[in-house]
Structure formats: C-alpha cells, structure tokens
Amino acid sequence: VLAAITEYPDVWAAAVEFVGIADFE
C-alpha cells in the first residue's frame, strides 16, 4: 500500500494499511 501510493500517487482516493513496512532497513 505504501509503495503504491508513493510510486503511483495520483490514482488513489485513500489508503488503509495495517502493520506495514515503511523502511526495510
């Protein structure tokens, strides 16, 4: 979800993510 809204920001009306990875490091 986080990758999709950063890579393709103009196609989403909203985003809901649970326990997601923001930074792989």
PDB file of all heavy atoms in Angstrom:
ATOM      1  N   VAL A   1       0.836  -1.199   0.000  1.00  0.00           N
ATOM      2  CA  VAL A   1       0.000   0.000   0.000  1.00  0.00           C
ATOM      3  C   VAL A   1       0.871   1.248   0.000  1.00  0.00           C
ATOM      4  O   VAL A   1       0.683   2.168  -0.810  1.00  0.00           O
ATOM      5  CB  VAL A   1      -0.948   0.006   1.212  1.00  0.00           C
ATOM      6  CG1 VAL A   1      -1.595   1.380   1.393  1.00  0.00           C
ATOM      7  CG2 VAL A   1      -2.023  -1.061   1.049  1.00  0.00           C
ATOM      8  N   LEU A   2       1.857   1.291   0.913  1.00  0.00           N
ATOM      9  CA  LEU A   2       2.731   2.464   0.988  1.00  0.00           C
ATOM     10  C   LEU A   2       3.530   2.638  -0.302  1.00  0.00           C
ATOM     11  O   LEU A   2       3.734   3.766  -0.773  1.00  0.00           O
ATOM     12  CB  LEU A   2       3.672   2.336   2.185  1.00  0.00           C
ATOM     13  CG  LEU A   2       2.996   2.327   3.568  1.00  0.00           C
ATOM     14  CD1 LEU A   2       4.041   2.095   4.655  1.00  0.00           C
ATOM     15  CD2 LEU A   2       2.244   3.630   3.809  1.00  0.00           C
ATOM     16  N   ALA A   3       3.981   1.531  -0.872  1.00  0.00           N
ATOM     17  CA  ALA A   3       4.724   1.616  -2.129  1.00  0.00           C
ATOM     18  C   ALA A   3       3.827   2.102  -3.260  1.00  0.00           C
ATOM     19  O   ALA A   3       4.246   2.906  -4.107  1.00  0.00           O
ATOM     20  CB  ALA A   3       5.323   0.258  -2.471  1.00  0.00           C
ATOM     21  N   ALA A   4       2.584   1.620  -3.287  1.00  0.00           N
ATOM     22  CA  ALA A   4       1.661   2.003  -4.363  1.00  0.00           C
ATOM     23  C   ALA A   4       1.316   3.488  -4.304  1.00  0.00           C
ATOM     24  O   ALA A   4       1.213   4.150  -5.352  1.00  0.00           O
ATOM     25  CB  ALA A   4       0.394   1.159  -4.283  1.00  0.00           C
ATOM     26  N   ILE A   5       1.134   4.037  -3.099  1.00  0.00           N
ATOM     27  CA  ILE A   5       0.735   5.449  -3.005  1.00  0.00           C
ATOM     28  C   ILE A   5       1.926   6.391  -3.149  1.00  0.00           C
ATOM     29  O   ILE A   5       1.732   7.605  -3.349  1.00  0.00           O
ATOM     30  CB  ILE A   5      -0.038   5.746  -1.703  1.00  0.00           C
ATOM     31  CG1 ILE A   5       0.836   5.553  -0.468  1.00  0.00           C
ATOM     32  CG2 ILE A   5      -1.296   4.892  -1.637  1.00  0.00           C
ATOM     33  CD1 ILE A   5       0.142   5.916   0.844  1.00  0.00           C
ATOM     34  N   THR A   6       3.159   5.852  -3.057  1.00  0.00           N
ATOM     35  CA  THR A   6       4.328   6.681  -3.353  1.00  0.00           C
ATOM     36  C   THR A   6       4.744   6.555  -4.815  1.00  0.00           C
ATOM     37  O   THR A   6       5.143   7.544  -5.447  1.00  0.00           O
ATOM     38  CB  THR A   6       5.512   6.314  -2.440  1.00  0.00           C
ATOM     39  OG1 THR A   6       5.768   4.911  -2.523  1.00  0.00           O
ATOM     40  CG2 THR A   6       5.221   6.695  -1.005  1.00  0.00           C
ATOM     41  N   GLU A   7       4.643   5.368  -5.389  1.00  0.00           N
ATOM     42  CA  GLU A   7       5.020   5.157  -6.783  1.00  0.00           C
ATOM     43  C   GLU A   7       3.962   5.705  -7.747  1.00  0.00           C
ATOM     44  O   GLU A   7       4.291   6.221  -8.821  1.00  0.00           O
ATOM     45  CB  GLU A   7       5.218   3.660  -7.046  1.00  0.00           C
ATOM     46  CG  GLU A   7       6.423   3.048  -6.357  1.00  0.00           C
ATOM     47  CD  GLU A   7       7.738   3.578  -6.922  1.00  0.00           C
ATOM     48  OE1 GLU A   7       7.918   3.548  -8.159  1.00  0.00           O
ATOM     49  OE2 GLU A   7       8.575   4.027  -6.115  1.00  0.00           O
ATOM     50  N   TYR A   8       2.700   5.569  -7.365  1.00  0.00           N
ATOM     51  CA  TYR A   8       1.601   5.977  -8.252  1.00  0.00           C
ATOM     52  C   TYR A   8       0.609   6.836  -7.455  1.00  0.00           C
ATOM     53  O   TYR A   8      -0.528   6.438  -7.205  1.00  0.00           O
ATOM     54  CB  TYR A   8       0.905   4.743  -8.829  1.00  0.00           C
ATOM     55  CG  TYR A   8       1.883   3.762  -9.453  1.00  0.00           C
ATOM     56  CD1 TYR A   8       2.219   2.574  -8.800  1.00  0.00           C
ATOM     57  CD2 TYR A   8       2.487   4.040 -10.676  1.00  0.00           C
ATOM     58  CE1 TYR A   8       3.129   1.686  -9.358  1.00  0.00           C
ATOM     59  CE2 TYR A   8       3.399   3.157 -11.241  1.00  0.00           C
ATOM     60  CZ  TYR A   8       3.714   1.986 -10.571  1.00  0.00           C
ATOM     61  OH  TYR A   8       4.632   1.117 -11.125  1.00  0.00           O
ATOM     62  N   PRO A   9       1.046   8.018  -7.030  1.00  0.00           N
ATOM     63  CA  PRO A   9       0.252   8.807  -6.079  1.00  0.00           C
ATOM     64  C   PRO A   9      -1.049   9.367  -6.626  1.00  0.00           C
ATOM     65  O   PRO A   9      -1.951   9.680  -5.845  1.00  0.00           O
ATOM     66  CB  PRO A   9       1.207   9.950  -5.701  1.00  0.00           C
ATOM     67  CG  PRO A   9       2.147  10.071  -6.868  1.00  0.00           C
ATOM     68  CD  PRO A   9       2.320   8.674  -7.377  1.00  0.00           C
ATOM     69  N   ASP A  10      -1.179   9.477  -7.932  1.00  0.00           N
ATOM     70  CA  ASP A  10      -2.331  10.173  -8.493  1.00  0.00           C
ATOM     71  C   ASP A  10      -3.524   9.268  -8.783  1.00  0.00           C
ATOM     72  O   ASP A  10      -4.535   9.731  -9.315  1.00  0.00           O
ATOM     73  CB  ASP A  10      -1.929  10.899  -9.781  1.00  0.00           C
ATOM     74  CG  ASP A  10      -1.334   9.963 -10.820  1.00  0.00           C
ATOM     75  OD1 ASP A  10      -0.911   8.849 -10.452  1.00  0.00           O
ATOM     76  OD2 ASP A  10      -1.285  10.343 -12.006  1.00  0.00           O
ATOM     77  N   VAL A  11      -3.455   7.973  -8.421  1.00  0.00           N
ATOM     78  CA  VAL A  11      -4.559   7.069  -8.775  1.00  0.00           C
ATOM     79  C   VAL A  11      -5.414   6.676  -7.576  1.00  0.00           C
ATOM     80  O   VAL A  11      -6.407   5.970  -7.738  1.00  0.00           O
ATOM     81  CB  VAL A  11      -4.044   5.797  -9.475  1.00  0.00           C
ATOM     82  CG1 VAL A  11      -3.237   6.157 -10.720  1.00  0.00           C
ATOM     83  CG2 VAL A  11      -3.211   4.929  -8.534  1.00  0.00           C
ATOM     84  N   TRP A  12      -5.042   7.134  -6.369  1.00  0.00           N
ATOM     85  CA  TRP A  12      -5.711   6.664  -5.161  1.00  0.00           C
ATOM     86  C   TRP A  12      -6.525   7.762  -4.494  1.00  0.00           C
ATOM     87  O   TRP A  12      -6.050   8.886  -4.318  1.00  0.00           O
ATOM     88  CB  TRP A  12      -4.680   6.129  -4.157  1.00  0.00           C
ATOM     89  CG  TRP A  12      -3.769   5.104  -4.748  1.00  0.00           C
ATOM     90  CD1 TRP A  12      -2.471   5.273  -5.119  1.00  0.00           C
ATOM     91  CD2 TRP A  12      -4.106   3.741  -5.059  1.00  0.00           C
ATOM     92  NE1 TRP A  12      -1.961   4.109  -5.644  1.00  0.00           N
ATOM     93  CE2 TRP A  12      -2.947   3.144  -5.611  1.00  0.00           C
ATOM     94  CE3 TRP A  12      -5.258   2.969  -4.908  1.00  0.00           C
ATOM     95  CZ2 TRP A  12      -2.912   1.817  -6.027  1.00  0.00           C
ATOM     96  CZ3 TRP A  12      -5.230   1.652  -5.320  1.00  0.00           C
ATOM     97  CH2 TRP A  12      -4.070   1.083  -5.870  1.00  0.00           C
ATOM     98  N   ALA A  13      -7.729   7.415  -4.080  1.00  0.00           N
ATOM     99  CA  ALA A  13      -8.555   8.349  -3.312  1.00  0.00           C
ATOM    100  C   ALA A  13      -8.195   8.299  -1.834  1.00  0.00           C
ATOM    101  O   ALA A  13      -8.322   9.303  -1.119  1.00  0.00           O
ATOM    102  CB  ALA A  13     -10.034   8.016  -3.489  1.00  0.00           C
ATOM    103  N   ALA A  14      -7.762   7.143  -1.351  1.00  0.00           N
ATOM    104  CA  ALA A  14      -7.385   6.952   0.048  1.00  0.00           C
ATOM    105  C   ALA A  14      -6.615   5.649   0.162  1.00  0.00           C
ATOM    106  O   ALA A  14      -6.604   4.835  -0.774  1.00  0.00           O
ATOM    107  CB  ALA A  14      -8.620   6.928   0.956  1.00  0.00           C
ATOM    108  N   ALA A  15      -5.981   5.461   1.323  1.00  0.00           N
ATOM    109  CA  ALA A  15      -5.223   4.238   1.565  1.00  0.00           C
ATOM    110  C   ALA A  15      -5.409   3.805   3.014  1.00  0.00           C
ATOM    111  O   ALA A  15      -5.468   4.640   3.921  1.00  0.00           O
ATOM    112  CB  ALA A  15      -3.742   4.456   1.263  1.00  0.00           C
ATOM    113  N   VAL A  16      -5.495   2.476   3.202  1.00  0.00           N
ATOM    114  CA  VAL A  16      -5.609   1.881   4.537  1.00  0.00           C
ATOM    115  C   VAL A  16      -4.544   0.797   4.625  1.00  0.00           C
ATOM    116  O   VAL A  16      -4.537  -0.137   3.822  1.00  0.00           O
ATOM    117  CB  VAL A  16      -7.008   1.263   4.774  1.00  0.00           C
ATOM    118  CG1 VAL A  16      -7.069   0.601   6.150  1.00  0.00           C
ATOM    119  CG2 VAL A  16      -8.103   2.312   4.613  1.00  0.00           C
ATOM    120  N   GLU A  17      -3.639   0.937   5.582  1.00  0.00           N
ATOM    121  CA  GLU A  17      -2.608  -0.091   5.733  1.00  0.00           C
ATOM    122  C   GLU A  17      -2.479  -0.510   7.191  1.00  0.00           C
ATOM    123  O   GLU A  17      -2.593   0.292   8.103  1.00  0.00           O
ATOM    124  CB  GLU A  17      -1.266   0.365   5.153  1.00  0.00           C
ATOM    125  CG  GLU A  17      -0.526   1.410   5.935  1.00  0.00           C
ATOM    126  CD  GLU A  17       0.613   0.834   6.774  1.00  0.00           C
ATOM    127  OE1 GLU A  17       0.567  -0.359   7.123  1.00  0.00           O
ATOM    128  OE2 GLU A  17       1.519   1.605   7.107  1.00  0.00           O
ATOM    129  N   PHE A  18      -2.239  -1.820   7.356  1.00  0.00           N
ATOM    130  CA  PHE A  18      -2.102  -2.425   8.670  1.00  0.00           C
ATOM    131  C   PHE A  18      -0.700  -3.003   8.807  1.00  0.00           C
ATOM    132  O   PHE A  18      -0.242  -3.738   7.929  1.00  0.00           O
ATOM    133  CB  PHE A  18      -3.105  -3.578   8.854  1.00  0.00           C
ATOM    134  CG  PHE A  18      -4.535  -3.255   8.505  1.00  0.00           C
ATOM    135  CD1 PHE A  18      -4.956  -3.239   7.181  1.00  0.00           C
ATOM    136  CD2 PHE A  18      -5.465  -3.004   9.496  1.00  0.00           C
ATOM    137  CE1 PHE A  18      -6.272  -2.970   6.856  1.00  0.00           C
ATOM    138  CE2 PHE A  18      -6.791  -2.744   9.183  1.00  0.00           C
ATOM    139  CZ  PHE A  18      -7.200  -2.728   7.861  1.00  0.00           C
ATOM    140  N   VAL A  19      -0.020  -2.704   9.896  1.00  0.00           N
ATOM    141  CA  VAL A  19       1.278  -3.283  10.276  1.00  0.00           C
ATOM    142  C   VAL A  19       2.240  -3.404   9.084  1.00  0.00           C
ATOM    143  O   VAL A  19       2.891  -4.433   8.899  1.00  0.00           O
ATOM    144  CB  VAL A  19       1.101  -4.644  10.988  1.00  0.00           C
ATOM    145  CG1 VAL A  19       0.347  -4.459  12.291  1.00  0.00           C
ATOM    146  CG2 VAL A  19       0.363  -5.667  10.132  1.00  0.00           C
ATOM    147  N   GLY A  20       2.340  -2.355   8.295  1.00  0.00           N
ATOM    148  CA  GLY A  20       3.140  -2.388   7.082  1.00  0.00           C
ATOM    149  C   GLY A  20       4.581  -1.955   7.299  1.00  0.00           C
ATOM    150  O   GLY A  20       4.919  -1.269   8.270  1.00  0.00           O
ATOM    151  N   ILE A  21       5.437  -2.358   6.377  1.00  0.00           N
ATOM    152  CA  ILE A  21       6.860  -1.995   6.399  1.00  0.00           C
ATOM    153  C   ILE A  21       7.022  -0.666   5.659  1.00  0.00           C
ATOM    154  O   ILE A  21       6.681  -0.551   4.486  1.00  0.00           O
ATOM    155  CB  ILE A  21       7.715  -3.070   5.714  1.00  0.00           C
ATOM    156  CG1 ILE A  21       7.537  -4.422   6.411  1.00  0.00           C
ATOM    157  CG2 ILE A  21       9.191  -2.671   5.696  1.00  0.00           C
ATOM    158  CD1 ILE A  21       8.074  -5.590   5.601  1.00  0.00           C
ATOM    159  N   ALA A  22       7.574   0.337   6.361  1.00  0.00           N
ATOM    160  CA  ALA A  22       7.844   1.630   5.736  1.00  0.00           C
ATOM    161  C   ALA A  22       9.295   1.750   5.292  1.00  0.00           C
ATOM    162  O   ALA A  22       9.599   2.384   4.288  1.00  0.00           O
ATOM    163  CB  ALA A  22       7.499   2.765   6.705  1.00  0.00           C
ATOM    164  N   ASP A  23      10.199   1.141   6.063  1.00  0.00           N
ATOM    165  CA  ASP A  23      11.634   1.264   5.811  1.00  0.00           C
ATOM    166  C   ASP A  23      12.260  -0.117   6.025  1.00  0.00           C
ATOM    167  O   ASP A  23      12.291  -0.619   7.151  1.00  0.00           O
ATOM    168  CB  ASP A  23      12.235   2.292   6.771  1.00  0.00           C
ATOM    169  CG  ASP A  23      13.703   2.567   6.508  1.00  0.00           C
ATOM    170  OD1 ASP A  23      14.384   1.712   5.904  1.00  0.00           O
ATOM    171  OD2 ASP A  23      14.185   3.640   6.929  1.00  0.00           O
ATOM    172  N   PHE A  24      12.748  -0.737   4.966  1.00  0.00           N
ATOM    173  CA  PHE A  24      13.284  -2.087   5.089  1.00  0.00           C
ATOM    174  C   PHE A  24      14.554  -2.131   5.942  1.00  0.00           C
ATOM    175  O   PHE A  24      14.862  -3.173   6.535  1.00  0.00           O
ATOM    176  CB  PHE A  24      13.552  -2.682   3.711  1.00  0.00           C
ATOM    177  CG  PHE A  24      12.319  -3.242   3.056  1.00  0.00           C
ATOM    178  CD1 PHE A  24      11.613  -2.516   2.122  1.00  0.00           C
ATOM    179  CD2 PHE A  24      11.846  -4.496   3.400  1.00  0.00           C
ATOM    180  CE1 PHE A  24      10.462  -3.019   1.527  1.00  0.00           C
ATOM    181  CE2 PHE A  24      10.706  -5.019   2.828  1.00  0.00           C
ATOM    182  CZ  PHE A  24      10.008  -4.276   1.886  1.00  0.00           C
ATOM    183  N   GLU A  25      15.280  -1.030   6.024  1.00  0.00           N
ATOM    184  CA  GLU A  25      16.454  -1.019   6.900  1.00  0.00           C
ATOM    185  C   GLU A  25      16.042  -1.120   8.358  1.00  0.00           C
ATOM    186  O   GLU A  25      16.545  -1.975   9.111  1.00  0.00           O
ATOM    187  CB  GLU A  25      17.258   0.261   6.672  1.00  0.00           C
ATOM    188  CG  GLU A  25      18.017   0.296   5.364  1.00  0.00           C
ATOM    189  CD  GLU A  25      18.857   1.547   5.251  1.00  0.00           C
ATOM    190  OE1 GLU A  25      18.314   2.594   4.841  1.00  0.00           O
ATOM    191  OE2 GLU A  25      20.055   1.498   5.580  1.00  0.00           O
TER     192      GLU A  25
END
